[in-house]
C-alpha cells in the first residue's frame, strides 16, 4: 500500500511540475492575467478539472512560480553578503550570482520582470514580499559591518532596499542582453558593477 501511495504522490508531483513548466512556457509570450487555465492543461494533456488538484487558481499558480523563481536565491545572497565585508568583493560576487541565475533561468526572470507591475495582485504581492525579504536579509548582514555603527535602522533599511532594487534592475539588463554578442553582456556587467560601486561609495559618505 505504501508503495502505491508513493507512486501516486510522485505522479501528482510530476503533474504539478508539468503544469508549472507549461505555464512558464506560455508566459514567454503573454502576461499572467491573460493566461487561461485550459491553455495550461492542454499543454500538459490533462483535463481542466485536474488543475484544481494542484492549484486554486491561475493566480495561485503564479505565486508558486514566484517562489520557484526567487526562493532559492535567499541563501545564495546571504552567502554573498556574509562572505566578506569588502565592498568590491561583495559586488563582484553579486554580479556573478545575478548573471549566472539569469542565464540559468531566463524564463523565470522574464516572468518576474513582467509581473512585478502586472495585473494579478496576489503575484505582485508575492514578488514584493520576496524583495522585502531580500532587503531584510541584506540589512541583517550590513548591520554587522563596522561602518554601520552610527547608522539608523531606517537608513540601513533604505540602503538594503537600494542594493536589492539595483540587483533586480541588473537582472533585467542581463536578460535583455542574453542574445547579444559577448561584448554587450560584458558591458552590462561592467556598468552594473560601477553602479553598485557608486552606491557603496555613497554609503561611505552618507554620514559626512
N, C-alpha and C. Protein backbone atom coordinates (compact mmCIF):
# COMPACT_ATOMS: atom_id res chain seq x y z
N UNK A 1 0.83 -1.20 0.00
CA UNK A 1 0.00 0.00 0.00
C UNK A 1 0.87 1.26 0.00
N UNK A 2 1.90 1.26 0.85
CA UNK A 2 2.77 2.44 0.93
C UNK A 2 3.49 2.69 -0.40
N UNK A 3 3.84 1.61 -1.10
CA UNK A 3 4.48 1.76 -2.40
C UNK A 3 3.52 2.41 -3.39
N UNK A 4 2.25 1.98 -3.36
CA UNK A 4 1.24 2.55 -4.26
C UNK A 4 1.03 4.04 -3.98
N UNK A 5 0.97 4.39 -2.68
CA UNK A 5 0.82 5.79 -2.30
C UNK A 5 2.02 6.62 -2.76
N UNK A 6 3.21 6.01 -2.64
CA UNK A 6 4.40 6.71 -3.07
C UNK A 6 4.40 6.98 -4.56
N UNK A 7 3.95 6.01 -5.34
CA UNK A 7 3.87 6.17 -6.80
C UNK A 7 2.87 7.25 -7.15
N UNK A 8 1.72 7.24 -6.46
CA UNK A 8 0.69 8.26 -6.73
C UNK A 8 1.19 9.66 -6.38
N UNK A 9 1.89 9.74 -5.25
CA UNK A 9 2.41 11.04 -4.83
C UNK A 9 3.44 11.56 -5.83
N UNK A 10 4.28 10.65 -6.31
CA UNK A 10 5.30 11.04 -7.29
C UNK A 10 4.63 11.50 -8.59
N UNK A 11 3.58 10.80 -9.01
CA UNK A 11 2.87 11.17 -10.23
C UNK A 11 2.18 12.52 -10.06
N UNK A 12 1.61 12.73 -8.87
CA UNK A 12 0.95 14.01 -8.59
C UNK A 12 1.95 15.16 -8.65
N UNK A 13 3.12 14.95 -8.06
CA UNK A 13 4.16 15.97 -8.08
C UNK A 13 4.65 16.23 -9.51
N UNK A 14 4.75 15.15 -10.29
CA UNK A 14 5.19 15.29 -11.68
C UNK A 14 4.19 16.12 -12.48
N UNK A 15 2.89 15.86 -12.28
CA UNK A 15 1.86 16.62 -12.99
C UNK A 15 1.87 18.09 -12.55
N UNK A 16 2.04 18.30 -11.24
CA UNK A 16 2.10 19.68 -10.72
C UNK A 16 3.25 20.45 -11.36
N UNK A 17 4.41 19.82 -11.43
CA UNK A 17 5.57 20.49 -12.03
C UNK A 17 5.35 20.71 -13.52
N UNK A 18 4.69 19.77 -14.17
CA UNK A 18 4.40 19.91 -15.60
C UNK A 18 3.48 21.10 -15.85
N UNK A 19 2.52 21.32 -14.97
CA UNK A 19 1.64 22.48 -15.08
C UNK A 19 2.42 23.78 -14.90
N UNK A 20 3.32 23.80 -13.93
CA UNK A 20 4.16 24.98 -13.71
C UNK A 20 5.04 25.26 -14.92
N UNK A 21 5.66 24.22 -15.45
CA UNK A 21 6.56 24.38 -16.60
C UNK A 21 5.78 24.84 -17.84
N UNK A 22 4.58 24.27 -18.03
CA UNK A 22 3.76 24.65 -19.17
C UNK A 22 3.34 26.11 -19.07
N UNK A 23 2.93 26.52 -17.88
CA UNK A 23 2.52 27.91 -17.68
C UNK A 23 3.69 28.86 -17.94
N UNK A 24 4.86 28.50 -17.43
CA UNK A 24 6.04 29.35 -17.62
C UNK A 24 6.37 29.48 -19.10
N UNK A 25 6.24 28.39 -19.84
CA UNK A 25 6.49 28.44 -21.27
C UNK A 25 5.50 29.34 -21.99
N UNK A 26 4.23 29.25 -21.62
CA UNK A 26 3.20 30.09 -22.24
C UNK A 26 3.38 31.56 -21.88
N UNK A 27 3.93 31.80 -20.70
CA UNK A 27 4.13 33.18 -20.25
C UNK A 27 5.30 33.87 -20.92
N UNK A 28 6.02 33.15 -21.76
CA UNK A 28 7.07 33.79 -22.56
C UNK A 28 6.46 34.80 -23.52
N UNK A 29 5.20 34.57 -23.91
CA UNK A 29 4.56 35.39 -24.94
C UNK A 29 3.37 36.18 -24.44
N UNK A 30 3.03 36.07 -23.16
CA UNK A 30 1.86 36.77 -22.65
C UNK A 30 2.00 37.01 -21.15
N UNK A 31 1.10 37.81 -20.62
CA UNK A 31 1.11 38.08 -19.18
C UNK A 31 0.23 37.06 -18.46
N UNK A 32 0.41 36.96 -17.15
CA UNK A 32 -0.36 36.00 -16.37
C UNK A 32 -1.85 36.32 -16.41
N UNK A 33 -2.19 37.61 -16.46
CA UNK A 33 -3.61 37.99 -16.45
C UNK A 33 -4.35 37.51 -17.69
N UNK A 34 -3.64 37.24 -18.76
CA UNK A 34 -4.28 36.76 -19.99
C UNK A 34 -4.17 35.24 -20.16
N UNK A 35 -3.49 34.58 -19.23
CA UNK A 35 -3.29 33.13 -19.34
C UNK A 35 -4.53 32.38 -18.92
N UNK A 36 -4.99 31.46 -19.76
CA UNK A 36 -6.17 30.67 -19.46
C UNK A 36 -5.82 29.32 -18.87
N UNK A 37 -6.66 28.88 -17.94
CA UNK A 37 -6.46 27.58 -17.30
C UNK A 37 -6.44 26.46 -18.35
N UNK A 38 -7.35 26.55 -19.31
CA UNK A 38 -7.42 25.49 -20.34
C UNK A 38 -6.17 25.46 -21.22
N UNK A 39 -5.57 26.62 -21.43
CA UNK A 39 -4.31 26.65 -22.19
C UNK A 39 -3.24 25.81 -21.50
N UNK A 40 -3.16 25.98 -20.19
CA UNK A 40 -2.14 25.27 -19.42
C UNK A 40 -2.38 23.78 -19.42
N UNK A 41 -3.63 23.38 -19.13
CA UNK A 41 -3.93 21.94 -19.06
C UNK A 41 -3.81 21.28 -20.43
N UNK A 42 -4.11 22.04 -21.48
CA UNK A 42 -3.97 21.50 -22.84
C UNK A 42 -2.51 21.19 -23.14
N UNK A 43 -1.62 22.06 -22.70
CA UNK A 43 -0.19 21.85 -22.91
C UNK A 43 0.30 20.58 -22.22
N UNK A 44 -0.26 20.30 -21.04
CA UNK A 44 0.17 19.13 -20.26
C UNK A 44 -0.55 17.86 -20.69
N UNK A 45 -1.75 18.04 -21.28
CA UNK A 45 -2.52 16.88 -21.70
C UNK A 45 -3.38 16.29 -20.59
N UNK A 46 -3.87 17.16 -19.69
CA UNK A 46 -4.76 16.71 -18.62
C UNK A 46 -6.06 17.48 -18.72
N UNK A 47 -7.11 16.96 -18.08
CA UNK A 47 -8.41 17.62 -18.08
C UNK A 47 -8.33 18.90 -17.25
N UNK A 48 -9.10 19.93 -17.61
CA UNK A 48 -9.10 21.18 -16.84
C UNK A 48 -9.39 20.97 -15.36
N UNK A 49 -10.24 20.02 -15.05
CA UNK A 49 -10.57 19.77 -13.64
C UNK A 49 -9.35 19.30 -12.85
N UNK A 50 -8.39 18.68 -13.53
CA UNK A 50 -7.18 18.19 -12.85
C UNK A 50 -6.33 19.34 -12.31
N UNK A 51 -6.48 20.51 -12.92
CA UNK A 51 -5.72 21.68 -12.47
C UNK A 51 -5.98 21.97 -11.00
N UNK A 52 -7.25 21.82 -10.58
CA UNK A 52 -7.64 22.20 -9.22
C UNK A 52 -7.16 21.21 -8.16
N UNK A 53 -6.58 20.12 -8.57
CA UNK A 53 -5.96 19.22 -7.60
C UNK A 53 -4.61 19.77 -7.14
N UNK A 54 -4.11 20.75 -7.87
CA UNK A 54 -2.77 21.28 -7.58
C UNK A 54 -2.77 22.77 -7.23
N UNK A 55 -3.67 23.54 -7.83
CA UNK A 55 -3.71 24.98 -7.61
C UNK A 55 -5.15 25.45 -7.50
N UNK A 56 -5.35 26.49 -6.69
CA UNK A 56 -6.70 27.02 -6.53
C UNK A 56 -7.12 27.87 -7.73
N UNK A 57 -6.15 28.47 -8.38
CA UNK A 57 -6.43 29.38 -9.49
C UNK A 57 -5.13 29.63 -10.26
N UNK A 58 -5.25 30.34 -11.38
CA UNK A 58 -4.06 30.75 -12.12
C UNK A 58 -3.20 31.68 -11.27
N UNK A 59 -3.85 32.54 -10.48
CA UNK A 59 -3.09 33.43 -9.59
C UNK A 59 -2.29 32.62 -8.58
N UNK A 60 -2.89 31.56 -8.05
CA UNK A 60 -2.19 30.69 -7.09
C UNK A 60 -0.98 30.05 -7.76
N UNK A 61 -1.14 29.60 -8.99
CA UNK A 61 -0.01 29.05 -9.74
C UNK A 61 1.08 30.11 -9.91
N UNK A 62 0.68 31.34 -10.19
CA UNK A 62 1.64 32.42 -10.36
C UNK A 62 2.44 32.68 -9.10
N UNK A 63 1.80 32.59 -7.94
CA UNK A 63 2.50 32.78 -6.67
C UNK A 63 3.55 31.69 -6.48
N UNK A 64 3.22 30.47 -6.86
CA UNK A 64 4.18 29.37 -6.77
C UNK A 64 5.35 29.61 -7.72
N UNK A 65 5.09 30.16 -8.90
CA UNK A 65 6.16 30.48 -9.84
C UNK A 65 7.10 31.55 -9.26
N UNK A 66 6.55 32.49 -8.50
CA UNK A 66 7.38 33.50 -7.85
C UNK A 66 8.35 32.83 -6.88
N UNK A 67 7.84 31.91 -6.08
CA UNK A 67 8.69 31.19 -5.13
C UNK A 67 9.73 30.36 -5.87
N UNK A 68 9.33 29.76 -6.96
CA UNK A 68 10.25 28.94 -7.76
C UNK A 68 11.35 29.82 -8.36
N UNK A 69 11.00 31.04 -8.75
CA UNK A 69 11.96 31.95 -9.39
C UNK A 69 12.93 32.57 -8.40
N UNK A 70 12.44 32.92 -7.20
CA UNK A 70 13.25 33.71 -6.28
C UNK A 70 13.62 33.00 -4.98
N UNK A 71 12.88 31.96 -4.62
CA UNK A 71 13.08 31.32 -3.33
C UNK A 71 14.49 30.79 -3.11
N UNK A 72 15.08 30.22 -4.14
CA UNK A 72 16.40 29.61 -3.99
C UNK A 72 17.52 30.65 -3.85
N UNK A 73 17.21 31.92 -4.13
CA UNK A 73 18.25 32.95 -4.11
C UNK A 73 18.56 33.46 -2.70
N UNK A 74 17.66 33.22 -1.76
CA UNK A 74 17.86 33.80 -0.43
C UNK A 74 19.16 33.34 0.22
N UNK A 75 19.39 32.04 0.22
CA UNK A 75 20.60 31.52 0.84
C UNK A 75 21.84 31.99 0.10
N UNK A 76 21.75 32.05 -1.24
CA UNK A 76 22.91 32.48 -2.02
C UNK A 76 23.26 33.94 -1.75
N UNK A 77 22.24 34.79 -1.63
CA UNK A 77 22.50 36.21 -1.35
C UNK A 77 23.07 36.39 0.04
N UNK A 78 22.56 35.63 1.01
CA UNK A 78 23.12 35.70 2.36
C UNK A 78 24.60 35.31 2.35
N UNK A 79 24.93 34.30 1.58
CA UNK A 79 26.32 33.85 1.49
C UNK A 79 27.20 34.93 0.85
N UNK A 80 26.69 35.58 -0.19
CA UNK A 80 27.45 36.63 -0.88
C UNK A 80 27.74 37.78 0.07
N UNK A 81 26.73 38.21 0.83
CA UNK A 81 26.89 39.37 1.70
C UNK A 81 27.72 39.05 2.93
N UNK A 82 27.58 37.83 3.44
CA UNK A 82 28.27 37.48 4.68
C UNK A 82 29.69 36.97 4.47
N UNK A 83 30.04 36.62 3.23
CA UNK A 83 31.35 36.03 2.97
C UNK A 83 32.49 37.00 3.23
N UNK A 84 32.25 38.29 3.04
CA UNK A 84 33.30 39.30 3.22
C UNK A 84 32.66 40.64 3.52
N UNK A 85 33.41 41.53 4.16
CA UNK A 85 32.90 42.89 4.34
C UNK A 85 33.58 43.86 3.38
N UNK A 86 34.34 43.32 2.43
CA UNK A 86 34.97 44.15 1.40
C UNK A 86 33.93 44.48 0.32
N UNK A 87 33.59 45.75 0.10
CA UNK A 87 32.54 46.12 -0.84
C UNK A 87 32.77 45.61 -2.26
N UNK A 88 34.02 45.74 -2.75
CA UNK A 88 34.29 45.32 -4.13
C UNK A 88 34.14 43.82 -4.31
N UNK A 89 34.54 43.04 -3.31
CA UNK A 89 34.38 41.59 -3.40
C UNK A 89 32.89 41.22 -3.36
N UNK A 90 32.15 41.89 -2.52
CA UNK A 90 30.71 41.64 -2.46
C UNK A 90 30.05 41.94 -3.81
N UNK A 91 30.42 43.07 -4.38
CA UNK A 91 29.82 43.49 -5.64
C UNK A 91 30.15 42.49 -6.75
N UNK A 92 31.42 42.08 -6.83
CA UNK A 92 31.82 41.11 -7.86
C UNK A 92 31.05 39.80 -7.71
N UNK A 93 30.88 39.35 -6.47
CA UNK A 93 30.14 38.11 -6.22
C UNK A 93 28.67 38.27 -6.56
N UNK A 94 28.11 39.43 -6.22
CA UNK A 94 26.70 39.68 -6.50
C UNK A 94 26.42 39.70 -8.00
N UNK A 95 27.28 40.37 -8.75
CA UNK A 95 27.11 40.43 -10.21
C UNK A 95 27.24 39.03 -10.81
N UNK A 96 28.21 38.26 -10.33
CA UNK A 96 28.36 36.89 -10.81
C UNK A 96 27.13 36.05 -10.52
N UNK A 97 26.56 36.23 -9.33
CA UNK A 97 25.34 35.49 -8.96
C UNK A 97 24.18 35.87 -9.87
N UNK A 98 24.01 37.17 -10.10
CA UNK A 98 22.89 37.63 -10.94
C UNK A 98 23.03 37.10 -12.36
N UNK A 99 24.20 37.25 -12.95
CA UNK A 99 24.41 36.81 -14.33
C UNK A 99 24.18 35.31 -14.44
N UNK A 100 24.72 34.55 -13.51
CA UNK A 100 24.55 33.10 -13.55
C UNK A 100 23.11 32.67 -13.41
N UNK A 101 22.37 33.34 -12.52
CA UNK A 101 20.97 32.96 -12.30
C UNK A 101 20.11 33.31 -13.51
N UNK A 102 20.35 34.48 -14.11
CA UNK A 102 19.58 34.87 -15.29
C UNK A 102 19.87 33.92 -16.45
N UNK A 103 21.14 33.57 -16.64
CA UNK A 103 21.49 32.65 -17.73
C UNK A 103 20.87 31.26 -17.52
N UNK A 104 20.76 30.84 -16.26
CA UNK A 104 20.21 29.51 -15.97
C UNK A 104 18.68 29.49 -15.98
N UNK A 105 18.05 30.64 -15.65
CA UNK A 105 16.58 30.67 -15.52
C UNK A 105 15.98 31.90 -16.20
N UNK A 106 16.21 32.08 -17.49
CA UNK A 106 15.72 33.30 -18.16
C UNK A 106 14.20 33.43 -18.13
N UNK A 107 13.48 32.32 -18.29
CA UNK A 107 12.01 32.40 -18.31
C UNK A 107 11.46 32.87 -16.97
N UNK A 108 12.06 32.39 -15.87
CA UNK A 108 11.63 32.82 -14.55
C UNK A 108 11.87 34.31 -14.35
N UNK A 109 13.04 34.79 -14.75
CA UNK A 109 13.37 36.21 -14.57
C UNK A 109 12.49 37.08 -15.44
N UNK A 110 12.19 36.63 -16.64
CA UNK A 110 11.28 37.38 -17.52
C UNK A 110 9.90 37.46 -16.90
N UNK A 111 9.46 36.38 -16.29
CA UNK A 111 8.16 36.35 -15.61
C UNK A 111 8.14 37.37 -14.47
N UNK A 112 9.18 37.40 -13.65
CA UNK A 112 9.25 38.33 -12.53
C UNK A 112 9.27 39.77 -13.03
N UNK A 113 10.07 40.05 -14.04
CA UNK A 113 10.19 41.40 -14.58
C UNK A 113 8.84 41.90 -15.10
N UNK A 114 8.08 41.02 -15.74
CA UNK A 114 6.79 41.42 -16.30
C UNK A 114 5.72 41.55 -15.22
N UNK A 115 5.68 40.60 -14.31
CA UNK A 115 4.58 40.54 -13.35
C UNK A 115 4.79 41.42 -12.12
N UNK A 116 5.99 41.98 -11.97
CA UNK A 116 6.23 42.85 -10.81
C UNK A 116 5.25 44.02 -10.79
N UNK A 117 4.87 44.49 -11.95
CA UNK A 117 3.88 45.57 -12.03
C UNK A 117 2.69 45.14 -12.87
N UNK A 118 2.43 43.83 -12.93
CA UNK A 118 1.35 43.28 -13.74
C UNK A 118 -0.01 43.42 -13.10
N UNK A 119 -0.98 42.73 -13.70
CA UNK A 119 -2.36 42.91 -13.27
C UNK A 119 -2.89 41.91 -12.28
N UNK A 120 -2.05 40.98 -11.81
CA UNK A 120 -2.53 39.95 -10.88
C UNK A 120 -2.01 40.29 -9.48
N UNK A 121 -2.89 40.77 -8.64
CA UNK A 121 -2.48 41.32 -7.35
C UNK A 121 -1.74 40.33 -6.45
N UNK A 122 -2.24 39.08 -6.27
CA UNK A 122 -1.51 38.15 -5.39
C UNK A 122 -0.07 37.91 -5.84
N UNK A 123 0.15 37.93 -7.15
CA UNK A 123 1.50 37.71 -7.68
C UNK A 123 2.38 38.94 -7.43
N UNK A 124 1.83 40.13 -7.65
CA UNK A 124 2.57 41.36 -7.33
C UNK A 124 2.96 41.37 -5.86
N UNK A 125 2.03 40.99 -5.00
CA UNK A 125 2.30 40.98 -3.56
C UNK A 125 3.35 39.94 -3.21
N UNK A 126 3.30 38.79 -3.89
CA UNK A 126 4.29 37.74 -3.63
C UNK A 126 5.69 38.22 -4.02
N UNK A 127 5.79 38.90 -5.16
CA UNK A 127 7.08 39.43 -5.60
C UNK A 127 7.56 40.49 -4.62
N UNK A 128 6.66 41.39 -4.23
CA UNK A 128 7.02 42.42 -3.28
C UNK A 128 7.49 41.81 -1.95
N UNK A 129 6.82 40.75 -1.53
CA UNK A 129 7.22 40.07 -0.29
C UNK A 129 8.60 39.45 -0.39
N UNK A 130 8.89 38.84 -1.53
CA UNK A 130 10.21 38.24 -1.73
C UNK A 130 11.30 39.31 -1.72
N UNK A 131 11.04 40.45 -2.38
CA UNK A 131 12.04 41.52 -2.43
C UNK A 131 12.24 42.14 -1.05
N UNK A 132 11.15 42.27 -0.28
CA UNK A 132 11.27 42.80 1.08
C UNK A 132 12.09 41.85 1.94
N UNK A 133 11.91 40.56 1.72
CA UNK A 133 12.69 39.56 2.47
C UNK A 133 14.17 39.65 2.10
N UNK A 134 14.46 39.84 0.80
CA UNK A 134 15.85 40.03 0.39
C UNK A 134 16.46 41.24 1.10
N UNK A 135 15.70 42.34 1.13
CA UNK A 135 16.20 43.56 1.75
C UNK A 135 16.50 43.34 3.23
N UNK A 136 15.64 42.62 3.93
CA UNK A 136 15.87 42.34 5.35
C UNK A 136 17.11 41.48 5.54
N UNK A 137 17.32 40.53 4.63
CA UNK A 137 18.49 39.65 4.73
C UNK A 137 19.78 40.42 4.46
N UNK A 138 19.74 41.32 3.47
CA UNK A 138 20.91 42.14 3.19
C UNK A 138 21.18 43.07 4.37
N UNK A 139 20.13 43.67 4.89
CA UNK A 139 20.27 44.58 6.04
C UNK A 139 20.88 43.86 7.24
N UNK A 140 20.45 42.62 7.48
CA UNK A 140 20.96 41.86 8.62
C UNK A 140 22.47 41.66 8.53
N UNK A 141 23.00 41.61 7.33
CA UNK A 141 24.45 41.47 7.16
C UNK A 141 25.14 42.83 7.18
N UNK A 142 24.52 43.84 6.58
CA UNK A 142 25.13 45.18 6.54
C UNK A 142 25.30 45.75 7.94
N UNK A 143 24.36 45.43 8.83
CA UNK A 143 24.43 45.99 10.18
C UNK A 143 25.65 45.49 10.95
N UNK A 144 26.22 44.38 10.49
CA UNK A 144 27.41 43.82 11.13
C UNK A 144 28.69 44.52 10.70
N UNK A 145 28.62 45.29 9.60
CA UNK A 145 29.82 45.98 9.11
C UNK A 145 30.22 47.08 10.09
N UNK A 146 31.52 47.27 10.31
CA UNK A 146 31.98 48.32 11.23
C UNK A 146 31.45 49.71 10.87
N UNK A 147 31.34 50.01 9.58
CA UNK A 147 30.91 51.34 9.18
C UNK A 147 29.42 51.57 9.38
N UNK A 148 28.69 50.54 9.78
CA UNK A 148 27.26 50.69 10.03
C UNK A 148 26.94 51.11 11.46
N UNK A 149 27.97 51.27 12.26
CA UNK A 149 27.80 51.50 13.69
C UNK A 149 26.92 52.73 13.99
N UNK A 150 27.11 53.80 13.25
CA UNK A 150 26.38 55.04 13.52
C UNK A 150 25.11 55.19 12.69
N UNK A 151 24.80 54.18 11.90
CA UNK A 151 23.63 54.27 11.02
C UNK A 151 22.34 54.01 11.79
N UNK A 152 21.27 54.69 11.38
CA UNK A 152 19.96 54.42 11.96
C UNK A 152 19.36 53.19 11.28
N UNK A 153 18.38 52.62 11.93
CA UNK A 153 17.71 51.45 11.36
C UNK A 153 17.04 51.79 10.04
N UNK A 154 16.42 52.97 9.97
CA UNK A 154 15.75 53.38 8.73
C UNK A 154 16.74 53.55 7.58
N UNK A 155 17.90 54.12 7.88
CA UNK A 155 18.90 54.32 6.83
C UNK A 155 19.46 52.99 6.33
N UNK A 156 19.65 52.04 7.24
CA UNK A 156 20.12 50.72 6.84
C UNK A 156 19.07 50.01 5.97
N UNK A 157 17.81 50.17 6.32
CA UNK A 157 16.73 49.58 5.50
C UNK A 157 16.72 50.20 4.12
N UNK A 158 16.90 51.53 4.06
CA UNK A 158 16.95 52.22 2.77
C UNK A 158 18.11 51.72 1.92
N UNK A 159 19.28 51.57 2.54
CA UNK A 159 20.46 51.10 1.81
C UNK A 159 20.25 49.68 1.29
N UNK A 160 19.73 48.80 2.13
CA UNK A 160 19.50 47.41 1.71
C UNK A 160 18.52 47.35 0.56
N UNK A 161 17.44 48.14 0.61
CA UNK A 161 16.46 48.16 -0.47
C UNK A 161 17.07 48.70 -1.76
N UNK A 162 17.96 49.68 -1.61
CA UNK A 162 18.63 50.25 -2.77
C UNK A 162 19.49 49.19 -3.46
N UNK A 163 20.21 48.40 -2.69
CA UNK A 163 21.00 47.31 -3.26
C UNK A 163 20.12 46.29 -3.97
N UNK A 164 19.02 45.90 -3.32
CA UNK A 164 18.13 44.89 -3.91
C UNK A 164 17.50 45.41 -5.20
N UNK A 165 17.03 46.66 -5.19
CA UNK A 165 16.43 47.23 -6.40
C UNK A 165 17.43 47.28 -7.54
N UNK A 166 18.67 47.63 -7.23
CA UNK A 166 19.69 47.70 -8.26
C UNK A 166 20.02 46.33 -8.82
N UNK A 167 20.02 45.32 -7.95
CA UNK A 167 20.28 43.95 -8.41
C UNK A 167 19.16 43.46 -9.32
N UNK A 168 17.91 43.82 -8.99
CA UNK A 168 16.79 43.43 -9.84
C UNK A 168 16.87 44.13 -11.20
N UNK A 169 17.24 45.40 -11.17
CA UNK A 169 17.41 46.15 -12.42
C UNK A 169 18.53 45.52 -13.26
N UNK A 170 19.61 45.13 -12.60
CA UNK A 170 20.71 44.48 -13.30
C UNK A 170 20.25 43.18 -13.95
N UNK A 171 19.44 42.41 -13.23
CA UNK A 171 18.92 41.15 -13.78
C UNK A 171 18.13 41.40 -15.06
N UNK A 172 17.34 42.49 -15.08
CA UNK A 172 16.57 42.82 -16.28
C UNK A 172 17.48 43.17 -17.45
N UNK A 173 18.56 43.90 -17.18
CA UNK A 173 19.50 44.26 -18.24
C UNK A 173 20.24 43.03 -18.77
N UNK A 174 20.63 42.14 -17.86
CA UNK A 174 21.30 40.91 -18.28
C UNK A 174 20.36 40.08 -19.14
N UNK A 175 19.09 40.03 -18.76
CA UNK A 175 18.09 39.28 -19.52
C UNK A 175 17.99 39.82 -20.94
N UNK A 176 17.95 41.13 -21.09
CA UNK A 176 17.86 41.74 -22.41
C UNK A 176 19.10 41.46 -23.26
N UNK A 177 20.22 41.25 -22.60
CA UNK A 177 21.49 41.06 -23.32
C UNK A 177 21.83 39.59 -23.57
N UNK A 178 20.95 38.68 -23.20
CA UNK A 178 21.28 37.25 -23.31
C UNK A 178 21.61 36.84 -24.74
N UNK A 179 20.88 37.39 -25.70
CA UNK A 179 21.11 37.02 -27.10
C UNK A 179 22.06 37.98 -27.81
N UNK A 180 22.61 38.92 -27.07
CA UNK A 180 23.53 39.90 -27.66
C UNK A 180 24.94 39.31 -27.74
N UNK A 181 25.82 39.94 -28.48
CA UNK A 181 27.22 39.48 -28.54
C UNK A 181 27.86 39.51 -27.15
N UNK A 182 28.88 38.68 -26.93
CA UNK A 182 29.52 38.60 -25.61
C UNK A 182 29.99 39.96 -25.09
N UNK A 183 30.47 40.82 -25.97
CA UNK A 183 30.97 42.11 -25.51
C UNK A 183 29.86 42.99 -24.93
N UNK A 184 28.62 42.81 -25.43
CA UNK A 184 27.49 43.56 -24.87
C UNK A 184 27.15 43.05 -23.48
N UNK A 185 27.19 41.74 -23.29
CA UNK A 185 26.93 41.18 -21.96
C UNK A 185 28.01 41.64 -20.98
N UNK A 186 29.24 41.69 -21.45
CA UNK A 186 30.33 42.18 -20.60
C UNK A 186 30.13 43.65 -20.24
N UNK A 187 29.64 44.43 -21.21
CA UNK A 187 29.39 45.84 -20.95
C UNK A 187 28.32 46.01 -19.87
N UNK A 188 27.27 45.21 -19.97
CA UNK A 188 26.18 45.28 -18.98
C UNK A 188 26.72 44.96 -17.58
N UNK A 189 27.52 43.91 -17.50
CA UNK A 189 28.09 43.53 -16.20
C UNK A 189 29.01 44.63 -15.67
N UNK A 190 29.78 45.24 -16.57
CA UNK A 190 30.70 46.31 -16.16
C UNK A 190 29.95 47.52 -15.63
N UNK A 191 28.90 47.93 -16.36
CA UNK A 191 28.10 49.09 -15.93
C UNK A 191 27.41 48.79 -14.60
N UNK A 192 26.86 47.58 -14.47
CA UNK A 192 26.19 47.19 -13.23
C UNK A 192 27.15 47.22 -12.05
N UNK A 193 28.37 46.78 -12.28
CA UNK A 193 29.39 46.81 -11.23
C UNK A 193 29.67 48.24 -10.79
N UNK A 194 29.81 49.14 -11.75
CA UNK A 194 30.08 50.54 -11.43
C UNK A 194 28.90 51.17 -10.69
N UNK A 195 27.68 50.81 -11.06
CA UNK A 195 26.52 51.37 -10.39
C UNK A 195 26.45 50.92 -8.94
N UNK A 196 26.74 49.65 -8.69
CA UNK A 196 26.76 49.16 -7.31
C UNK A 196 27.91 49.80 -6.53
N UNK A 197 29.03 50.02 -7.19
CA UNK A 197 30.16 50.70 -6.53
C UNK A 197 29.79 52.13 -6.15
N UNK A 198 29.01 52.79 -7.01
CA UNK A 198 28.57 54.15 -6.72
C UNK A 198 27.72 54.17 -5.44
N UNK A 199 26.82 53.20 -5.31
CA UNK A 199 26.02 53.09 -4.09
C UNK A 199 26.94 52.86 -2.90
N UNK A 200 27.92 52.00 -3.07
CA UNK A 200 28.84 51.67 -1.98
C UNK A 200 29.66 52.89 -1.55
N UNK A 201 30.12 53.67 -2.52
CA UNK A 201 30.89 54.87 -2.21
C UNK A 201 30.00 55.91 -1.51
N UNK A 202 28.77 56.03 -2.00
CA UNK A 202 27.84 56.94 -1.35
C UNK A 202 27.57 56.54 0.09
N UNK A 203 27.54 55.24 0.33
CA UNK A 203 27.35 54.76 1.69
C UNK A 203 28.46 55.25 2.63
N UNK A 204 29.67 55.25 2.12
CA UNK A 204 30.81 55.64 2.95
C UNK A 204 30.73 57.10 3.39
N UNK A 205 30.01 57.93 2.63
CA UNK A 205 29.96 59.37 2.92
C UNK A 205 28.57 59.84 3.37
N UNK A 206 27.68 58.90 3.59
CA UNK A 206 26.29 59.27 3.92
C UNK A 206 26.23 60.10 5.21
N UNK A 207 27.10 59.81 6.18
CA UNK A 207 27.05 60.49 7.47
C UNK A 207 27.98 61.71 7.54
N UNK A 208 28.64 62.04 6.42
CA UNK A 208 29.56 63.19 6.43
C UNK A 208 28.78 64.48 6.75
